[in-house]
Amino acid sequence: MKEHILELDRPRTLRFGFKAVRLIRQKLGNRSIDSLMNMPVDEVPILAWAGLKWEDNSLTVEKVEDLLDEKIPGKYKLVDIIEIVMIAMAEQIGAEKGKKVEKKAPADELKQVTEKIPSKKSAKKR
């Protein structure tokens, strides 16, 4: 798999595994992958922080924002950072940017199964 590196105070590699997803959910709430892939620009540093925290546990969202801001406009444009972070997350989570991810919640799956089972009321009508 391709490494996604942000050149900040030093080269930092983005990694989006289970821990990063948990950190994102703690900061942003329970969101679908689709909503993460189309999130507001001001929330992208939270994704970057979660993706970078694996190699530097002392990072905070504010520190990551500072590191990113130091590289704008010299090294990166804002849109470059967004693209690097979003592509890294999409590839590592298994979603393709711009492609709708359809994952049914367990409750939806259960509802479909129970809709196929006749209720006692409908069985009495027969």
Protein backbone atom coordinates (compact mmCIF):
# COMPACT_ATOMS: atom_id res chain seq x y z
CA MET A 1 0.00 0.00 0.00
CA LYS A 2 1.21 3.49 -0.84
CA GLU A 3 2.45 5.64 2.04
CA HIS A 4 0.87 9.07 2.39
CA ILE A 5 3.34 11.52 3.84
CA LEU A 6 2.86 15.08 4.96
CA GLU A 7 6.10 17.08 4.98
CA LEU A 8 5.63 19.08 8.17
CA ASP A 9 8.32 19.68 10.81
CA ARG A 10 9.57 16.34 9.50
CA PRO A 11 8.08 13.75 7.15
CA ARG A 12 5.01 12.35 8.87
CA THR A 13 3.12 9.32 7.58
CA LEU A 14 -0.68 9.19 7.73
CA ARG A 15 -2.13 5.92 8.93
CA PHE A 16 -5.86 5.28 9.35
CA GLY A 17 -6.49 2.09 11.28
CA PHE A 18 -8.96 1.22 14.01
CA LYS A 19 -7.36 3.56 16.55
CA ALA A 20 -7.50 6.52 14.15
CA VAL A 21 -11.15 5.80 13.37
CA ARG A 22 -11.93 5.65 17.10
CA LEU A 23 -10.16 8.99 17.65
CA ILE A 24 -12.10 10.57 14.79
CA ARG A 25 -15.40 9.30 16.21
CA GLN A 26 -14.49 10.62 19.68
CA LYS A 27 -13.88 14.09 18.21
CA LEU A 28 -16.57 14.24 15.52
CA GLY A 29 -19.24 11.82 16.67
CA ASN A 30 -20.68 8.78 14.97
CA ARG A 31 -20.48 9.61 11.27
CA SER A 32 -20.69 7.43 8.23
CA ILE A 33 -17.67 7.00 5.99
CA ASP A 34 -19.53 8.98 3.32
CA SER A 35 -19.93 11.97 5.62
CA LEU A 36 -16.25 11.79 6.59
CA MET A 37 -15.28 11.82 2.92
CA ASN A 38 -17.34 14.98 2.41
CA MET A 39 -16.64 16.83 5.63
CA PRO A 40 -16.15 20.58 6.09
CA VAL A 41 -12.63 21.91 5.48
CA ASP A 42 -12.19 23.10 9.06
CA GLU A 43 -12.51 19.49 10.32
CA VAL A 44 -9.71 18.11 8.11
CA PRO A 45 -7.02 18.84 10.76
CA ILE A 46 -8.86 16.43 13.07
CA LEU A 47 -8.50 13.70 10.45
CA ALA A 48 -4.83 14.58 9.97
CA TRP A 49 -4.27 14.47 13.74
CA ALA A 50 -5.93 11.05 14.04
CA GLY A 51 -3.91 9.74 11.10
CA LEU A 52 -0.61 11.05 12.50
CA LYS A 53 -1.09 10.20 16.17
CA TRP A 54 0.10 6.59 15.71
CA GLU A 55 3.72 7.76 15.34
CA ASP A 56 3.65 10.66 17.83
CA ASN A 57 1.32 10.25 20.77
CA SER A 58 2.08 13.79 22.00
CA LEU A 59 0.33 15.39 19.02
CA THR A 60 -2.79 17.44 19.64
CA VAL A 61 -5.28 18.76 17.10
CA GLU A 62 -3.96 22.27 17.78
CA LYS A 63 -0.33 21.19 17.21
CA VAL A 64 -1.29 19.53 13.92
CA GLU A 65 -3.15 22.69 12.86
CA ASP A 66 -0.01 24.72 13.65
CA LEU A 67 2.21 22.30 11.70
CA LEU A 68 -0.14 22.41 8.72
CA ASP A 69 -0.47 26.21 8.82
CA GLU A 70 3.34 26.57 8.87
CA LYS A 71 3.45 24.82 5.47
CA ILE A 72 0.78 27.00 3.84
CA PRO A 73 1.50 28.56 1.31
CA GLY A 74 5.20 27.59 1.09
CA LYS A 75 5.03 23.80 0.74
CA TYR A 76 1.31 23.19 0.31
CA LYS A 77 -1.88 24.88 -0.71
CA LEU A 78 -4.82 24.17 1.57
CA VAL A 79 -6.38 22.01 -1.11
CA ASP A 80 -3.18 19.88 -1.33
CA ILE A 81 -3.39 19.02 2.36
CA ILE A 82 -7.06 18.15 2.09
CA GLU A 83 -6.36 15.89 -0.88
CA ILE A 84 -3.46 14.06 0.80
CA VAL A 85 -5.45 13.44 4.00
CA MET A 86 -8.67 12.40 2.24
CA ILE A 87 -6.95 10.08 -0.25
CA ALA A 88 -4.94 8.44 2.53
CA MET A 89 -8.06 7.87 4.60
CA ALA A 90 -10.11 6.62 1.65
CA GLU A 91 -7.46 4.13 0.56
CA GLN A 92 -6.71 2.83 4.03
CA ILE A 93 -10.33 2.52 5.13
CA GLY A 94 -11.24 0.91 1.84
CA ALA A 95 -13.47 3.61 0.41
CA GLU A 96 -12.88 5.30 -2.90
CA LYS A 97 -13.11 9.09 -2.84
CA GLY A 98 -16.18 10.18 -4.76
CA LYS A 99 -17.73 6.70 -4.65
CA LYS A 100 -20.72 6.12 -2.38
CA VAL A 101 -20.07 3.61 0.40
CA GLU A 102 -23.14 1.62 1.28
CA LYS A 103 -22.96 -0.13 4.61
CA LYS A 104 -26.19 -1.08 6.27
CA ALA A 105 -26.38 -0.74 10.00
CA PRO A 106 -27.10 -3.98 11.88
CA ALA A 107 -30.52 -2.59 12.84
CA ASP A 108 -31.38 -2.14 9.15
CA GLU A 109 -30.29 -5.70 8.39
CA LEU A 110 -32.36 -7.02 11.31
CA LYS A 111 -35.37 -5.03 10.13
CA GLN A 112 -35.11 -6.60 6.66
CA VAL A 113 -34.94 -10.09 8.13
CA THR A 114 -37.88 -9.54 10.47
CA GLU A 115 -39.97 -8.04 7.65
CA LYS A 116 -39.71 -11.39 5.86
CA ILE A 117 -40.99 -13.33 8.89
CA PRO A 118 -44.78 -13.22 9.10
CA SER A 119 -46.11 -11.85 12.34
CA LYS A 120 -48.68 -13.73 14.42
CA LYS A 121 -51.32 -11.20 13.37
CA SER A 122 -50.78 -11.78 9.64
CA ALA A 123 -50.67 -15.56 10.20
CA LYS A 124 -54.14 -15.44 11.88
CA LYS A 125 -55.61 -13.57 8.89
CA ARG A 126 -54.79 -16.45 6.55
